[in-house]
């Protein structure tokens, strides 16, 4: 019984701890020079979905591991460097470094006729190794490949810089410039707020309205609310009504800030959590604009007929899931949805598991710890999976339910509700 674990970020370290606690033989392959995933990248200067102003959006007490809480000296929402230091300290505390091979990139993972898994990887010296494992656990994250819209008309004439959030590091890199940020998700509002402290002018181009929630309501972090019994006992309609009324009190209508109102109820799509962006708009540091219509030299024209000079455009338009080392259509199926039993198991590929390929409202840590413990029980034989047909039916039922609330997209397929999902994992 041997396991290959791919990735040593928050999810990978949780999995490594669970495997080690069960006495399971494993090796963890991590392409970066240290553990910590996106949280260490801003400091390391590596390309990735992290930037110097990055902070937690979830409370430290629910984002830290259950067996190793974040330090009491940390603020409620630590910055990236503090999270990176914490993850490194956790790895040392859990005695994980001897199991982790750093600067090792996985090239391919394939299943053999006997059910074993062959993993080909290349280390930092360029040495290629081929090893056989009985199980493979993928915990490499899903913010990997930048998603860019079709280039607007006139892009070839634009004299400024066009980049994706993946390549954004710090607002000081754009000091004195006129910058357009595209999007309204978490990265977009963080980056726009950060840029507005350095740039001469920051415009926020928004195509579709999203619900913007503060990090706290009534003095409670959103993830604390999501975990509270009074919240989980509510129906979805009651939760929506509660949040919508609270938002009217806290911030009023988004249209009052020059932003489009969402065309969907709260929790029908991903939400954006930010304490800053609406304040920056109200202070004139960020100016909302509609979608980009076309580019012309050094000018960006918007769909409302206005235009503005720009030195740079930062597209914060999300990411595509990419697992180039895995077989095609795994875990993203032909319909564009992630197809995993309990959001973890590849039904038709025994021995292949995914940790952290979920999107909750609130902290992900408790969920990945529960996932990791469940996978460890499967590997030791304490838990037995149902037949593939049963797993496929569960996947179809989950995707059907999610489609009713969030729609049928790649991102929607990984949405989970914290309390019900934790209960699911306790019962299996």
Protein backbone atom coordinates (compact mmCIF):
# COMPACT_ATOMS: atom_id res chain seq x y z
CA UNK A 1 0.00 0.00 0.00
CA UNK A 2 1.71 3.18 -1.19
CA UNK A 3 0.32 6.61 -1.95
CA UNK A 4 1.47 9.46 -4.16
CA UNK A 5 0.18 12.81 -2.91
CA UNK A 6 0.44 15.70 -5.37
CA UNK A 7 0.69 19.19 -3.87
CA UNK A 8 1.89 20.60 -0.52
CA UNK A 9 -0.41 23.57 -0.07
CA UNK A 10 -3.11 23.81 2.59
CA UNK A 11 -5.03 20.81 1.21
CA UNK A 12 -1.95 18.72 0.56
CA UNK A 13 -0.55 19.24 4.05
CA UNK A 14 -3.91 18.32 5.61
CA UNK A 15 -3.86 15.13 3.56
CA UNK A 16 -0.27 14.36 4.45
CA UNK A 17 -1.11 14.72 8.14
CA UNK A 18 -4.11 12.38 7.82
CA UNK A 19 -2.09 9.76 5.93
CA UNK A 20 0.78 9.89 8.40
CA UNK A 21 -1.61 9.66 11.35
CA UNK A 22 -2.95 6.41 9.88
CA UNK A 23 0.53 5.00 9.32
CA UNK A 24 0.10 5.03 5.54
CA UNK A 25 3.25 4.98 3.40
CA UNK A 26 3.22 8.03 1.12
CA UNK A 27 5.35 10.51 -0.77
CA UNK A 28 4.24 14.09 -1.50
CA UNK A 29 5.43 15.71 -4.73
CA UNK A 30 5.50 19.53 -4.76
CA UNK A 31 6.70 21.54 -7.74
CA UNK A 32 7.59 24.66 -5.69
CA UNK A 33 10.68 25.16 -3.55
CA UNK A 34 8.71 25.04 -0.30
CA UNK A 35 5.34 24.08 1.14
CA UNK A 36 2.46 26.55 1.37
CA UNK A 37 0.93 26.74 -2.11
CA UNK A 38 -0.41 30.14 -3.15
CA UNK A 39 0.31 31.61 0.28
CA UNK A 40 4.08 31.53 -0.13
CA UNK A 41 4.14 32.61 -3.77
CA UNK A 42 3.80 36.39 -3.28
CA UNK A 43 6.86 36.38 -1.03
CA UNK A 44 8.71 33.94 -3.28
CA UNK A 45 7.97 36.04 -6.37
CA UNK A 46 6.67 33.02 -8.28
CA UNK A 47 3.95 33.17 -10.89
CA UNK A 48 0.61 32.24 -9.39
CA UNK A 49 -2.75 33.40 -8.07
CA UNK A 50 -1.22 35.31 -5.17
CA UNK A 51 -0.21 38.95 -4.72
CA UNK A 52 1.51 40.98 -2.02
CA UNK A 53 -1.72 42.44 -0.61
CA UNK A 54 -3.31 38.98 -0.27
CA UNK A 55 -4.99 38.26 3.08
CA UNK A 56 -7.30 35.56 4.33
CA UNK A 57 -10.99 36.19 3.73
CA UNK A 58 -11.85 33.61 6.37
CA UNK A 59 -11.32 33.78 10.13
CA UNK A 60 -8.07 32.33 11.44
CA UNK A 61 -9.78 30.09 14.02
CA UNK A 62 -11.66 28.25 11.27
CA UNK A 63 -8.88 28.38 8.69
CA UNK A 64 -6.21 26.86 10.92
CA UNK A 65 -5.94 23.09 11.23
CA UNK A 66 -7.93 21.48 14.06
CA UNK A 67 -4.84 19.89 15.66
CA UNK A 68 -2.63 22.97 15.23
CA UNK A 69 -4.45 26.33 15.56
CA UNK A 70 -3.04 29.53 14.14
CA UNK A 71 -1.07 31.59 16.70
CA UNK A 72 -3.05 33.80 19.05
CA UNK A 73 -0.81 36.70 18.01
CA UNK A 74 -2.14 36.55 14.44
CA UNK A 75 -4.86 39.01 13.41
CA UNK A 76 -8.30 37.64 12.61
CA UNK A 77 -7.48 37.78 8.88
CA UNK A 78 -3.73 37.11 8.51
CA UNK A 79 -1.73 38.25 5.50
CA UNK A 80 -0.17 35.81 3.04
CA UNK A 81 3.26 35.75 4.69
CA UNK A 82 1.74 34.83 8.05
CA UNK A 83 -0.31 32.04 6.50
CA UNK A 84 2.78 30.75 4.67
CA UNK A 85 4.78 30.75 7.92
CA UNK A 86 1.95 28.93 9.67
CA UNK A 87 1.76 26.23 6.98
CA UNK A 88 5.52 25.69 7.17
CA UNK A 89 5.30 25.45 10.98
CA UNK A 90 2.45 22.94 10.68
CA UNK A 91 4.48 20.77 8.31
CA UNK A 92 7.37 20.75 10.80
CA UNK A 93 5.04 20.08 13.76
CA UNK A 94 3.37 17.17 11.95
CA UNK A 95 6.79 15.75 10.95
CA UNK A 96 5.97 15.92 7.25
CA UNK A 97 9.13 17.29 5.52
CA UNK A 98 10.76 13.86 5.15
CA UNK A 99 7.76 12.77 3.08
CA UNK A 100 7.83 15.79 0.76
CA UNK A 101 9.92 16.05 -2.40
CA UNK A 102 10.18 19.74 -3.30
CA UNK A 103 10.88 21.17 -6.75
CA UNK A 104 9.39 18.04 -8.27
CA UNK A 105 6.91 18.41 -11.12
CA UNK A 106 4.52 15.61 -11.98
CA UNK A 107 4.50 14.95 -15.71
CA UNK A 108 2.01 12.11 -15.98
CA UNK A 109 -0.23 9.87 -13.92
CA UNK A 110 -1.63 6.77 -15.61
CA UNK A 111 -3.47 3.70 -14.39
CA UNK A 112 -2.13 0.28 -15.34
CA UNK A 113 -4.10 -2.86 -16.16
CA UNK A 114 -3.53 -4.25 -12.65
CA UNK A 115 -5.04 -1.12 -11.08
CA UNK A 116 -1.75 0.40 -9.94
CA UNK A 117 -0.76 3.94 -10.81
CA UNK A 118 2.43 4.94 -12.60
CA UNK A 119 3.66 8.45 -11.78
CA UNK A 120 6.36 10.15 -13.84
CA UNK A 121 7.97 13.22 -12.27
CA UNK A 122 10.97 15.48 -12.86
CA UNK A 123 12.98 17.01 -10.03
CA UNK A 124 14.80 20.34 -9.90
CA UNK A 125 17.96 18.80 -11.37
CA UNK A 126 16.06 17.51 -14.38
CA UNK A 127 16.13 13.88 -13.23
CA UNK A 128 13.05 11.97 -14.36
CA UNK A 129 11.68 9.19 -12.15
CA UNK A 130 8.97 6.61 -12.79
CA UNK A 131 7.31 5.08 -9.75
CA UNK A 132 4.37 2.80 -9.07
CA UNK A 133 1.72 3.50 -6.41
CA UNK A 134 -1.49 1.83 -5.30
CA UNK A 135 -3.24 5.20 -4.80
CA UNK A 136 -2.88 8.78 -6.05
CA UNK A 137 -4.29 11.79 -4.19
CA UNK A 138 -4.42 15.08 -6.12
CA UNK A 139 -4.30 18.19 -3.92
CA UNK A 140 -2.72 20.61 -6.37
CA UNK A 141 -5.49 23.23 -6.38
CA UNK A 142 -7.68 24.49 -9.18
CA UNK A 143 -6.48 28.07 -9.75
CA UNK A 144 -3.98 26.99 -12.35
CA UNK A 145 -4.64 28.23 -15.87
CA UNK A 146 -5.79 31.83 -16.42
CA UNK A 147 -9.14 32.27 -18.10
CA UNK A 148 -9.12 35.19 -20.53
CA UNK A 149 -12.10 36.47 -22.51
CA UNK A 150 -11.92 36.90 -26.25
CA UNK A 151 -9.72 39.94 -26.98
CA UNK A 152 -11.83 43.07 -27.50
CA UNK A 153 -11.82 44.76 -30.86
CA UNK A 154 -8.67 46.80 -31.39
CA UNK A 155 -6.51 44.80 -28.97
CA UNK A 156 -3.73 44.70 -31.52
CA UNK A 157 -3.56 48.51 -31.42
CA UNK A 158 -3.42 48.87 -27.64
CA UNK A 159 -0.18 50.55 -26.59
CA UNK A 160 -0.35 49.53 -22.93
CA UNK A 161 0.17 46.26 -21.06
CA UNK A 162 -2.43 43.52 -20.87
CA UNK A 163 -2.05 40.92 -18.13
CA UNK A 164 -4.02 38.42 -16.10
CA UNK A 165 -4.27 38.47 -12.30
CA UNK A 166 -1.97 35.43 -12.34
CA UNK A 167 0.89 37.79 -13.22
CA UNK A 168 -0.09 40.64 -10.88
CA UNK A 169 2.23 41.10 -7.90
CA UNK A 170 1.89 44.55 -6.34
CA UNK A 171 0.20 47.89 -6.91
CA UNK A 172 3.53 49.71 -6.68
CA UNK A 173 4.45 48.17 -10.03
CA UNK A 174 1.84 50.50 -11.55
CA UNK A 175 2.64 53.69 -9.62
CA UNK A 176 1.39 56.77 -11.45
CA UNK A 177 -0.31 54.77 -14.21
CA UNK A 178 -3.90 54.64 -15.40
CA UNK A 179 -5.14 51.06 -14.93
CA UNK A 180 -8.33 49.21 -15.84
CA UNK A 181 -9.21 46.15 -13.77
CA UNK A 182 -11.69 43.74 -15.37
CA UNK A 183 -13.95 41.64 -13.16
CA UNK A 184 -15.79 41.71 -9.84
CA UNK A 185 -14.60 38.51 -8.17
CA UNK A 186 -12.29 38.21 -5.17
CA UNK A 187 -9.08 38.92 -7.09
CA UNK A 188 -10.62 41.84 -8.99
CA UNK A 189 -11.78 43.74 -5.92
CA UNK A 190 -8.55 43.00 -4.01
CA UNK A 191 -6.37 44.12 -6.89
CA UNK A 192 -8.46 47.21 -7.67
CA UNK A 193 -8.29 48.30 -4.02
CA UNK A 194 -4.54 47.64 -3.94
CA UNK A 195 -3.89 49.47 -7.21
CA UNK A 196 -5.88 52.48 -6.10
CA UNK A 197 -3.20 53.30 -3.52
CA UNK A 198 -0.52 53.62 -6.18
CA UNK A 199 -2.07 54.20 -9.60
CA UNK A 200 -2.97 57.65 -10.88
CA UNK A 201 -6.40 56.30 -11.78
CA UNK A 202 -8.09 52.93 -11.22
CA UNK A 203 -11.14 51.90 -13.22
CA UNK A 204 -13.12 48.73 -12.47
CA UNK A 205 -14.80 47.28 -15.57
CA UNK A 206 -17.75 45.09 -14.61
CA UNK A 207 -19.82 43.03 -17.03
CA UNK A 208 -22.17 41.34 -14.57
CA UNK A 209 -23.22 42.23 -11.06
CA UNK A 210 -22.21 39.96 -8.19
CA UNK A 211 -23.23 39.99 -4.56
CA UNK A 212 -20.55 41.72 -2.47
CA UNK A 213 -20.49 40.73 1.19
CA UNK A 214 -18.31 42.17 3.97
CA UNK A 215 -16.04 39.79 5.87
CA UNK A 216 -18.29 40.16 8.90
CA UNK A 217 -21.98 40.61 9.59
CA UNK A 218 -23.20 41.52 13.07
CA UNK A 219 -19.65 41.19 14.35
CA UNK A 220 -19.31 37.58 13.16
CA UNK A 221 -17.09 36.30 10.35
CA UNK A 222 -19.09 34.86 7.46
CA UNK A 223 -17.56 31.43 8.01
CA UNK A 224 -18.59 31.57 11.69
CA UNK A 225 -22.12 32.35 10.55
CA UNK A 226 -22.05 29.49 8.03
CA UNK A 227 -21.10 27.15 10.89
CA UNK A 228 -23.71 28.41 13.40
CA UNK A 229 -26.68 26.09 14.19
CA UNK A 230 -29.16 28.95 13.83
CA UNK A 231 -27.89 29.46 10.27
CA UNK A 232 -27.74 25.82 9.19
CA UNK A 233 -31.28 25.26 10.47
CA UNK A 234 -32.62 27.84 7.99
CA UNK A 235 -33.91 26.94 4.55
CA UNK A 236 -32.11 28.39 1.53
CA UNK A 237 -34.95 30.91 1.08
CA UNK A 238 -34.61 32.00 4.70
CA UNK A 239 -30.83 32.33 4.41
CA UNK A 240 -31.19 34.45 1.30
CA UNK A 241 -33.77 36.71 2.92
CA UNK A 242 -31.59 37.13 6.02
CA UNK A 243 -28.47 38.07 4.04
CA UNK A 244 -30.25 40.33 1.58
CA UNK A 245 -31.88 42.30 4.43
CA UNK A 246 -28.55 42.52 6.26
CA UNK A 247 -26.82 43.82 3.13
CA UNK A 248 -29.41 46.54 2.66
CA UNK A 249 -28.58 47.75 6.16
CA UNK A 250 -24.80 47.38 5.81
CA UNK A 251 -24.24 48.84 2.35
CA UNK A 252 -27.49 49.58 0.54
CA UNK A 253 -27.92 48.97 -3.17
CA UNK A 254 -24.85 48.26 -5.30
CA UNK A 255 -26.30 50.57 -7.93
CA UNK A 256 -25.64 53.43 -5.52
CA UNK A 257 -21.92 52.73 -5.98
CA UNK A 258 -22.13 52.68 -9.77
CA UNK A 259 -22.04 48.88 -9.93
CA UNK A 260 -24.60 46.70 -11.71
CA UNK A 261 -27.12 44.99 -9.47
CA UNK A 262 -26.83 41.18 -9.55
CA UNK A 263 -29.29 39.48 -11.88
CA UNK A 264 -29.59 36.51 -9.52
CA UNK A 265 -30.38 35.96 -5.83
CA UNK A 266 -27.59 35.60 -3.29
CA UNK A 267 -26.07 32.08 -3.17
CA UNK A 268 -27.12 31.42 -6.77
CA UNK A 269 -23.56 32.16 -7.87
CA UNK A 270 -20.19 32.73 -6.26
CA UNK A 271 -20.18 35.71 -3.93
CA UNK A 272 -17.43 38.32 -3.54
CA UNK A 273 -16.12 39.04 -0.05
CA UNK A 274 -14.55 42.45 0.48
CA UNK A 275 -14.42 45.08 3.18
CA UNK A 276 -12.56 47.52 0.95
CA UNK A 277 -13.88 47.86 -2.57
CA UNK A 278 -17.09 49.77 -1.80
CA UNK A 279 -15.20 52.13 0.48
CA UNK A 280 -12.57 52.76 -2.21
CA UNK A 281 -15.36 53.51 -4.69
CA UNK A 282 -17.05 55.90 -2.26
CA UNK A 283 -13.73 57.68 -1.69
CA UNK A 284 -13.22 58.14 -5.45
CA UNK A 285 -10.14 55.91 -5.51
CA UNK A 286 -11.84 53.32 -7.76
CA UNK A 287 -14.29 54.22 -10.51
CA UNK A 288 -16.72 51.58 -11.84
CA UNK A 289 -17.22 51.22 -15.57
CA UNK A 290 -19.21 48.74 -17.69
CA UNK A 291 -17.70 46.15 -20.03
CA UNK A 292 -14.92 47.02 -22.44
CA UNK A 293 -16.25 47.60 -25.94
CA UNK A 294 -13.01 48.11 -27.86
CA UNK A 295 -9.43 49.35 -27.56
CA UNK A 296 -7.86 52.11 -29.61
CA UNK A 297 -4.21 52.97 -29.08
CA UNK A 298 -3.90 54.10 -25.49
CA UNK A 299 -7.66 54.32 -24.91
CA UNK A 300 -10.22 51.87 -23.58
CA UNK A 301 -13.79 52.37 -24.79
CA UNK A 302 -16.64 51.04 -22.67
CA UNK A 303 -20.10 49.86 -23.67
CA UNK A 304 -21.77 52.98 -22.23
CA UNK A 305 -19.96 55.16 -24.78
CA UNK A 306 -17.33 56.51 -22.37
CA UNK A 307 -13.62 55.97 -22.81
CA UNK A 308 -10.45 56.47 -20.80
CA UNK A 309 -6.74 56.44 -21.29
CA UNK A 310 -5.02 53.33 -19.90
CA UNK A 311 -1.45 52.19 -19.40
CA UNK A 312 -2.50 48.70 -18.36
CA UNK A 313 -5.46 46.33 -18.25
CA UNK A 314 -5.54 43.63 -15.57
CA UNK A 315 -7.96 40.81 -16.33
CA UNK A 316 -9.26 39.24 -13.12
CA UNK A 317 -11.46 36.81 -15.00
CA UNK A 318 -10.81 33.62 -13.11
CA UNK A 319 -9.10 30.35 -13.85
CA UNK A 320 -9.69 27.10 -15.65
CA UNK A 321 -9.07 23.84 -13.88
CA UNK A 322 -6.12 22.07 -15.42
CA UNK A 323 -4.65 18.71 -14.51
CA UNK A 324 -2.34 18.10 -17.49
CA UNK A 325 -0.76 15.07 -15.84
CA UNK A 326 -4.08 13.20 -15.60
CA UNK A 327 -6.06 11.25 -18.23
CA UNK A 328 -8.44 13.31 -20.37
CA UNK A 329 -11.89 14.09 -18.96
CA UNK A 330 -10.76 13.54 -15.39
CA UNK A 331 -12.01 15.06 -13.17
CA UNK A 332 -13.80 17.49 -15.51
CA UNK A 333 -16.22 15.42 -17.59
CA UNK A 334 -17.44 15.98 -21.15
CA UNK A 335 -20.23 18.31 -19.97
CA UNK A 336 -17.73 20.65 -18.31
CA UNK A 337 -18.59 19.71 -14.74
CA UNK A 338 -16.34 18.13 -12.13
CA UNK A 339 -17.58 14.54 -11.76
CA UNK A 340 -16.46 13.06 -8.44
CA UNK A 341 -18.21 10.87 -5.90
CA UNK A 342 -18.61 12.90 -2.70
CA UNK A 343 -16.53 15.55 -4.56
CA UNK A 344 -13.49 13.34 -3.98
CA UNK A 345 -13.47 9.97 -5.79
CA UNK A 346 -13.11 9.31 -9.51
CA UNK A 347 -15.84 6.69 -9.88
CA UNK A 348 -14.32 4.87 -12.85
CA UNK A 349 -10.69 5.15 -11.76
CA UNK A 350 -10.15 3.15 -8.55
CA UNK A 351 -7.42 4.58 -6.37
CA UNK A 352 -7.63 8.20 -7.63
CA UNK A 353 -8.82 10.89 -5.21
CA UNK A 354 -9.06 14.70 -5.14
CA UNK A 355 -8.74 16.86 -2.03
CA UNK A 356 -9.79 20.51 -1.96
CA UNK A 357 -11.58 20.53 -5.31
CA UNK A 358 -14.53 22.31 -3.70
CA UNK A 359 -15.75 25.85 -3.17
CA UNK A 360 -17.57 26.55 0.11
CA UNK A 361 -18.93 29.75 1.60
CA UNK A 362 -16.35 30.17 4.35
CA UNK A 363 -13.17 28.37 5.28
CA UNK A 364 -12.19 25.27 3.32
CA UNK A 365 -9.89 23.84 5.98
CA UNK A 366 -12.41 21.79 7.98
CA UNK A 367 -13.71 20.34 4.74
CA UNK A 368 -10.34 19.25 3.36
CA UNK A 369 -9.43 17.76 6.74
CA UNK A 370 -12.65 15.73 6.65
CA UNK A 371 -11.97 14.72 3.05
CA UNK A 372 -8.43 13.67 3.93
CA UNK A 373 -9.53 11.56 6.90
CA UNK A 374 -12.14 9.83 4.74
CA UNK A 375 -9.62 9.06 2.00
CA UNK A 376 -7.22 7.68 4.62
CA UNK A 377 -9.99 5.34 5.83
CA UNK A 378 -10.61 4.18 2.27
CA UNK A 379 -6.92 3.46 1.74
CA UNK A 380 -6.63 1.45 4.96
CA UNK A 381 -9.79 -0.49 4.11
CA UNK A 382 -11.77 0.84 7.06
CA UNK A 383 -14.23 2.36 4.58
CA UNK A 384 -15.35 0.56 1.44
CA UNK A 385 -16.57 2.48 -1.60
CA UNK A 386 -19.80 1.48 -3.33
CA UNK A 387 -19.88 0.09 -6.85
CA UNK A 388 -19.05 2.56 -9.67
CA UNK A 389 -22.67 2.65 -10.82
CA UNK A 390 -23.81 3.75 -7.37
CA UNK A 391 -21.13 6.43 -7.32
CA UNK A 392 -22.14 7.67 -10.78
CA UNK A 393 -25.75 8.01 -9.62
CA UNK A 394 -24.64 10.07 -6.61
CA UNK A 395 -22.57 12.31 -8.88
CA UNK A 396 -25.52 12.87 -11.23
CA UNK A 397 -27.84 13.64 -8.30
CA UNK A 398 -25.34 16.14 -6.87
CA UNK A 399 -24.82 17.90 -10.18
CA UNK A 400 -28.57 18.06 -10.74
CA UNK A 401 -29.09 19.69 -7.36
CA UNK A 402 -26.23 22.12 -7.82
CA UNK A 403 -27.49 23.09 -11.28
CA UNK A 404 -30.81 24.07 -9.72
CA UNK A 405 -29.09 26.53 -7.38
CA UNK A 406 -25.91 27.64 -9.16
CA UNK A 407 -26.34 26.64 -12.79
CA UNK A 408 -24.34 24.08 -14.74
CA UNK A 409 -20.77 25.33 -15.10
CA UNK A 410 -17.35 24.04 -14.13
CA UNK A 411 -17.19 26.41 -11.17
CA UNK A 412 -20.75 25.68 -10.03
CA UNK A 413 -20.05 21.94 -9.92
CA UNK A 414 -17.58 22.35 -7.04
CA UNK A 415 -19.86 24.48 -4.82
CA UNK A 416 -20.63 22.87 -1.46
CA UNK A 417 -22.58 23.95 1.60
CA UNK A 418 -20.35 23.57 4.65
CA UNK A 419 -22.56 21.92 7.28
CA UNK A 420 -24.42 19.46 4.99
CA UNK A 421 -21.18 18.46 3.29
CA UNK A 422 -19.39 17.80 6.57
CA UNK A 423 -22.35 15.67 7.63
CA UNK A 424 -22.12 13.71 4.38
CA UNK A 425 -18.49 12.87 5.04
CA UNK A 426 -19.27 11.78 8.61
CA UNK A 427 -21.92 9.37 7.37
CA UNK A 428 -19.91 7.56 4.68
